[in-house]
Amino acid sequence: MKNISTPLSKNVIEDLKAGEEILLSGYLYTARDVAHSRLCKLIKDGKPLPFDIKDQVFYFVGPTPPRPGYVIGSAGPTTSYRMDEYSPILIEHGLSGMIGKGNRSSEVIDAMIKYKAVYFAAIGGAGALIARCIKEATIVCYEDLGPEAIRKILVVDMPLIVAIDCYGNNLYKGR
């Protein structure tokens, strides 16, 4: 297993290959489709984003509320195709990595190749296990979205698989 940390530099991304197992540590941002839509609208309107997405990783998750004494509840990945409409513009504006489950559209993969980004698969159905890797969780923006608010989370040794690398190699397609 390869250990990598955020933020993700282009050198790290270029070294990752589809099928590799990694342990990711560092800060991530949680974001699902409504939050993606809001970020893209800001970009379209020429307004600043509420935080810098350059070299950052988005984890597609809407965690459950934490139990007493925990920083977060179950935090399993959501299906990524719901973000496909928005991911290319976010990648163009600096997003370096995404974590979710399921395949991505050709438009997302094309943007990943052009701008050197990576897509990781997290284990679906393992939300409680993944939550153990999350050491901090703070709402950054869009608190009105409840569990889908954008959070900055600190992960330590989050187990992932490189599902689609920056060269277009795709575990879902076997290319």
C-alpha atoms as a PDB file:
ATOM      1  CA  MET A   1       0.000   0.000   0.000  1.00  0.00           C
ATOM      2  CA  LYS A   2       1.154   3.486  -0.843  1.00  0.00           C
ATOM      3  CA  ASN A   3       0.830   6.297   1.729  1.00  0.00           C
ATOM      4  CA  ILE A   4      -0.070   9.703   0.318  1.00  0.00           C
ATOM      5  CA  SER A   5      -1.129  13.004   1.871  1.00  0.00           C
ATOM      6  CA  THR A   6      -3.188  16.000   0.900  1.00  0.00           C
ATOM      7  CA  PRO A   7      -2.974  18.465  -0.679  1.00  0.00           C
ATOM      8  CA  LEU A   8      -2.306  16.401  -3.805  1.00  0.00           C
ATOM      9  CA  SER A   9       0.525  17.702  -5.949  1.00  0.00           C
ATOM     10  CA  LYS A  10       0.633  16.948  -9.673  1.00  0.00           C
ATOM     11  CA  ASN A  11       3.773  14.854  -9.046  1.00  0.00           C
ATOM     12  CA  VAL A  12       1.885  12.587  -6.642  1.00  0.00           C
ATOM     13  CA  ILE A  13      -1.102  12.342  -8.987  1.00  0.00           C
ATOM     14  CA  GLU A  14       1.109  11.455 -11.957  1.00  0.00           C
ATOM     15  CA  ASP A  15       2.679   8.640  -9.915  1.00  0.00           C
ATOM     16  CA  LEU A  16      -0.663   6.985  -9.082  1.00  0.00           C
ATOM     17  CA  LYS A  17      -1.879   4.106 -11.235  1.00  0.00           C
ATOM     18  CA  ALA A  18      -5.357   2.616 -11.528  1.00  0.00           C
ATOM     19  CA  GLY A  19      -5.657  -0.396  -9.241  1.00  0.00           C
ATOM     20  CA  GLU A  20      -3.192   0.811  -6.611  1.00  0.00           C
ATOM     21  CA  GLU A  21      -4.276   0.603  -2.994  1.00  0.00           C
ATOM     22  CA  ILE A  22      -3.462   3.689  -0.983  1.00  0.00           C
ATOM     23  CA  LEU A  23      -3.773   5.079   2.513  1.00  0.00           C
ATOM     24  CA  LEU A  24      -4.722   8.757   2.367  1.00  0.00           C
ATOM     25  CA  SER A  25      -4.022  11.194   5.191  1.00  0.00           C
ATOM     26  CA  GLY A  26      -4.656  14.911   5.470  1.00  0.00           C
ATOM     27  CA  TYR A  27      -7.545  17.298   4.997  1.00  0.00           C
ATOM     28  CA  LEU A  28     -10.420  16.582   2.594  1.00  0.00           C
ATOM     29  CA  TYR A  29     -13.667  18.384   1.853  1.00  0.00           C
ATOM     30  CA  THR A  30     -16.994  16.609   1.870  1.00  0.00           C
ATOM     31  CA  ALA A  31     -19.285  17.627  -0.964  1.00  0.00           C
ATOM     32  CA  ARG A  32     -22.307  16.185  -2.719  1.00  0.00           C
ATOM     33  CA  ASP A  33     -24.397  17.289  -5.683  1.00  0.00           C
ATOM     34  CA  VAL A  34     -26.205  20.336  -4.234  1.00  0.00           C
ATOM     35  CA  ALA A  35     -22.960  21.726  -2.811  1.00  0.00           C
ATOM     36  CA  HIS A  36     -21.248  21.064  -6.162  1.00  0.00           C
ATOM     37  CA  SER A  37     -24.034  22.960  -7.908  1.00  0.00           C
ATOM     38  CA  ARG A  38     -23.577  25.952  -5.613  1.00  0.00           C
ATOM     39  CA  LEU A  39     -19.810  26.012  -6.123  1.00  0.00           C
ATOM     40  CA  CYS A  40     -20.193  25.842  -9.911  1.00  0.00           C
ATOM     41  CA  LYS A  41     -22.739  28.674  -9.851  1.00  0.00           C
ATOM     42  CA  LEU A  42     -20.225  30.839  -7.994  1.00  0.00           C
ATOM     43  CA  ILE A  43     -17.601  30.052 -10.640  1.00  0.00           C
ATOM     44  CA  LYS A  44     -20.083  30.769 -13.453  1.00  0.00           C
ATOM     45  CA  ASP A  45     -21.019  34.090 -11.824  1.00  0.00           C
ATOM     46  CA  GLY A  46     -17.347  35.048 -11.420  1.00  0.00           C
ATOM     47  CA  LYS A  47     -17.572  35.042  -7.635  1.00  0.00           C
ATOM     48  CA  PRO A  48     -14.950  33.640  -5.253  1.00  0.00           C
ATOM     49  CA  LEU A  49     -15.394  30.184  -3.780  1.00  0.00           C
ATOM     50  CA  PRO A  50     -15.825  29.931   0.018  1.00  0.00           C
ATOM     51  CA  PHE A  51     -12.479  28.055   0.185  1.00  0.00           C
ATOM     52  CA  ASP A  52      -9.570  27.326  -2.151  1.00  0.00           C
ATOM     53  CA  ILE A  53     -10.071  24.052  -4.047  1.00  0.00           C
ATOM     54  CA  LYS A  54      -6.606  24.029  -5.664  1.00  0.00           C
ATOM     55  CA  ASP A  55      -4.927  20.651  -5.102  1.00  0.00           C
ATOM     56  CA  GLN A  56      -7.757  19.574  -2.778  1.00  0.00           C
ATOM     57  CA  VAL A  57      -9.769  16.339  -2.645  1.00  0.00           C
ATOM     58  CA  PHE A  58     -13.554  16.110  -2.432  1.00  0.00           C
ATOM     59  CA  TYR A  59     -15.087  13.123  -0.665  1.00  0.00           C
ATOM     60  CA  PHE A  60     -18.611  12.477  -1.921  1.00  0.00           C
ATOM     61  CA  VAL A  61     -20.325  11.802   1.402  1.00  0.00           C
ATOM     62  CA  GLY A  62     -23.231  12.996   3.511  1.00  0.00           C
ATOM     63  CA  PRO A  63     -22.245  11.711   6.952  1.00  0.00           C
ATOM     64  CA  THR A  64     -24.741  10.832   9.631  1.00  0.00           C
ATOM     65  CA  PRO A  65     -24.747  12.825  12.882  1.00  0.00           C
ATOM     66  CA  PRO A  66     -22.025  11.781  15.313  1.00  0.00           C
ATOM     67  CA  ARG A  67     -22.762   9.777  18.407  1.00  0.00           C
ATOM     68  CA  PRO A  68     -21.634  11.385  21.662  1.00  0.00           C
ATOM     69  CA  GLY A  69     -17.849  11.378  21.873  1.00  0.00           C
ATOM     70  CA  TYR A  70     -17.304  10.966  18.112  1.00  0.00           C
ATOM     71  CA  VAL A  71     -16.384  13.624  15.535  1.00  0.00           C
ATOM     72  CA  ILE A  72     -18.632  12.192  12.800  1.00  0.00           C
ATOM     73  CA  GLY A  73     -21.187   9.489  12.212  1.00  0.00           C
ATOM     74  CA  SER A  74     -21.153   6.857   9.495  1.00  0.00           C
ATOM     75  CA  ALA A  75     -19.320   8.299   6.489  1.00  0.00           C
ATOM     76  CA  GLY A  76     -19.633   5.941   3.533  1.00  0.00           C
ATOM     77  CA  PRO A  77     -19.193   7.132  -0.055  1.00  0.00           C
ATOM     78  CA  THR A  78     -22.125   8.162  -2.209  1.00  0.00           C
ATOM     79  CA  THR A  79     -22.549   7.306  -5.884  1.00  0.00           C
ATOM     80  CA  SER A  80     -20.309   9.625  -7.874  1.00  0.00           C
ATOM     81  CA  TYR A  81     -22.219   9.984 -11.137  1.00  0.00           C
ATOM     82  CA  ARG A  82     -24.485  12.592  -9.488  1.00  0.00           C
ATOM     83  CA  MET A  83     -21.461  14.921  -9.398  1.00  0.00           C
ATOM     84  CA  ASP A  84     -20.472  14.299 -13.049  1.00  0.00           C
ATOM     85  CA  GLU A  85     -22.284  17.424 -14.280  1.00  0.00           C
ATOM     86  CA  TYR A  86     -20.150  19.593 -11.978  1.00  0.00           C
ATOM     87  CA  SER A  87     -16.807  17.810 -11.628  1.00  0.00           C
ATOM     88  CA  PRO A  88     -15.202  18.967 -14.913  1.00  0.00           C
ATOM     89  CA  ILE A  89     -15.523  22.670 -14.038  1.00  0.00           C
ATOM     90  CA  LEU A  90     -14.219  22.077 -10.510  1.00  0.00           C
ATOM     91  CA  ILE A  91     -11.282  20.064 -11.867  1.00  0.00           C
ATOM     92  CA  GLU A  92     -10.551  22.888 -14.327  1.00  0.00           C
ATOM     93  CA  HIS A  93     -10.460  25.288 -11.374  1.00  0.00           C
ATOM     94  CA  GLY A  94      -7.965  23.222  -9.386  1.00  0.00           C
ATOM     95  CA  LEU A  95      -9.687  20.233  -7.762  1.00  0.00           C
ATOM     96  CA  SER A  96      -7.109  17.416  -7.799  1.00  0.00           C
ATOM     97  CA  GLY A  97      -8.950  14.426  -6.405  1.00  0.00           C
ATOM     98  CA  MET A  98     -12.352  12.901  -5.794  1.00  0.00           C
ATOM     99  CA  ILE A  99     -13.469   9.999  -3.628  1.00  0.00           C
ATOM    100  CA  GLY A 100     -16.712   8.121  -4.166  1.00  0.00           C
ATOM    101  CA  LYS A 101     -18.098   4.928  -5.597  1.00  0.00           C
ATOM    102  CA  GLY A 102     -18.996   3.933  -9.119  1.00  0.00           C
ATOM    103  CA  ASN A 103     -17.771   4.907 -12.579  1.00  0.00           C
ATOM    104  CA  ARG A 104     -17.433   8.455 -13.918  1.00  0.00           C
ATOM    105  CA  SER A 105     -18.565   9.964 -17.209  1.00  0.00           C
ATOM    106  CA  SER A 106     -16.261  10.449 -20.181  1.00  0.00           C
ATOM    107  CA  GLU A 107     -16.444  14.233 -19.610  1.00  0.00           C
ATOM    108  CA  VAL A 108     -15.082  13.839 -16.082  1.00  0.00           C
ATOM    109  CA  ILE A 109     -12.337  11.470 -17.247  1.00  0.00           C
ATOM    110  CA  ASP A 110     -11.381  13.860 -20.067  1.00  0.00           C
ATOM    111  CA  ALA A 111     -11.052  16.700 -17.521  1.00  0.00           C
ATOM    112  CA  MET A 112      -8.996  14.441 -15.243  1.00  0.00           C
ATOM    113  CA  ILE A 113      -6.580  13.704 -18.078  1.00  0.00           C
ATOM    114  CA  LYS A 114      -6.362  17.343 -19.236  1.00  0.00           C
ATOM    115  CA  TYR A 115      -5.861  18.850 -15.761  1.00  0.00           C
ATOM    116  CA  LYS A 116      -4.158  15.895 -14.002  1.00  0.00           C
ATOM    117  CA  ALA A 117      -6.703  14.764 -11.412  1.00  0.00           C
ATOM    118  CA  VAL A 118      -7.435  11.382  -9.832  1.00  0.00           C
ATOM    119  CA  TYR A 119     -10.541   9.501  -8.738  1.00  0.00           C
ATOM    120  CA  PHE A 120     -10.418   7.138  -5.777  1.00  0.00           C
ATOM    121  CA  ALA A 121     -12.940   4.462  -4.885  1.00  0.00           C
ATOM    122  CA  ALA A 122     -13.916   4.066  -1.245  1.00  0.00           C
ATOM    123  CA  ILE A 123     -15.544   0.917   0.014  1.00  0.00           C
ATOM    124  CA  GLY A 124     -19.318   1.218  -0.200  1.00  0.00           C
ATOM    125  CA  GLY A 125     -21.181  -0.134   2.828  1.00  0.00           C
ATOM    126  CA  ALA A 126     -18.214   0.532   5.111  1.00  0.00           C
ATOM    127  CA  GLY A 127     -19.266   3.940   6.420  1.00  0.00           C
ATOM    128  CA  ALA A 128     -18.668   3.079  10.069  1.00  0.00           C
ATOM    129  CA  LEU A 129     -15.179   1.769   9.257  1.00  0.00           C
ATOM    130  CA  ILE A 130     -14.286   4.843   7.201  1.00  0.00           C
ATOM    131  CA  ALA A 131     -15.562   7.115  10.003  1.00  0.00           C
ATOM    132  CA  ARG A 132     -12.798   5.706  12.226  1.00  0.00           C
ATOM    133  CA  CYS A 133     -10.250   7.322   9.880  1.00  0.00           C
ATOM    134  CA  ILE A 134     -11.835  10.759  10.346  1.00  0.00           C
ATOM    135  CA  LYS A 135     -10.239  12.629  13.238  1.00  0.00           C
ATOM    136  CA  GLU A 136     -11.763  16.127  12.779  1.00  0.00           C
ATOM    137  CA  ALA A 137     -14.863  17.470  11.039  1.00  0.00           C
ATOM    138  CA  THR A 138     -15.820  21.137  10.740  1.00  0.00           C
ATOM    139  CA  ILE A 139     -18.554  22.687   8.601  1.00  0.00           C
ATOM    140  CA  VAL A 140     -16.990  25.110   6.093  1.00  0.00           C
ATOM    141  CA  CYS A 141     -20.088  26.315   4.249  1.00  0.00           C
ATOM    142  CA  TYR A 142     -23.690  25.568   3.259  1.00  0.00           C
ATOM    143  CA  GLU A 143     -24.753  24.578   6.763  1.00  0.00           C
ATOM    144  CA  ASP A 144     -28.366  24.746   5.537  1.00  0.00           C
ATOM    145  CA  LEU A 145     -27.708  21.489   3.650  1.00  0.00           C
ATOM    146  CA  GLY A 146     -27.455  19.522   6.901  1.00  0.00           C
ATOM    147  CA  PRO A 147     -25.473  16.319   6.314  1.00  0.00           C
ATOM    148  CA  GLU A 148     -24.624  17.572   2.801  1.00  0.00           C
ATOM    149  CA  ALA A 149     -22.947  20.774   4.055  1.00  0.00           C
ATOM    150  CA  ILE A 150     -19.339  21.077   2.977  1.00  0.00           C
ATOM    151  CA  ARG A 151     -17.088  19.938   5.796  1.00  0.00           C
ATOM    152  CA  LYS A 152     -13.340  20.026   6.149  1.00  0.00           C
ATOM    153  CA  ILE A 153     -12.312  16.679   7.572  1.00  0.00           C
ATOM    154  CA  LEU A 154      -8.984  15.326   8.712  1.00  0.00           C
ATOM    155  CA  VAL A 155      -8.393  11.707   7.743  1.00  0.00           C
ATOM    156  CA  VAL A 156      -5.604   9.392   8.813  1.00  0.00           C
ATOM    157  CA  ASP A 157      -4.849   6.284   6.746  1.00  0.00           C
ATOM    158  CA  MET A 158      -8.157   6.244   4.841  1.00  0.00           C
ATOM    159  CA  PRO A 159      -8.050   3.075   2.695  1.00  0.00           C
ATOM    160  CA  LEU A 160      -8.806   3.770  -0.980  1.00  0.00           C
ATOM    161  CA  ILE A 161      -8.215   2.339  -4.431  1.00  0.00           C
ATOM    162  CA  VAL A 162      -7.120   4.427  -7.391  1.00  0.00           C
ATOM    163  CA  ALA A 163     -10.136   3.781  -9.611  1.00  0.00           C
ATOM    164  CA  ILE A 164      -9.295   6.179 -12.466  1.00  0.00           C
ATOM    165  CA  ASP A 165      -5.838   7.677 -12.819  1.00  0.00           C
ATOM    166  CA  CYS A 166      -4.810  10.889 -14.586  1.00  0.00           C
ATOM    167  CA  TYR A 167      -4.000   8.909 -17.739  1.00  0.00           C
ATOM    168  CA  GLY A 168      -7.567   7.635 -18.130  1.00  0.00           C
ATOM    169  CA  ASN A 169      -6.853   4.092 -16.932  1.00  0.00           C
ATOM    170  CA  ASN A 170     -10.158   2.992 -15.443  1.00  0.00           C
ATOM    171  CA  LEU A 171     -10.806  -0.034 -13.237  1.00  0.00           C
ATOM    172  CA  TYR A 172     -14.486   0.130 -14.139  1.00  0.00           C
ATOM    173  CA  LYS A 173     -13.768  -0.198 -17.857  1.00  0.00           C
ATOM    174  CA  GLY A 174     -10.673  -2.390 -17.698  1.00  0.00           C
ATOM    175  CA  ARG A 175      -8.701  -0.073 -19.978  1.00  0.00           C
END
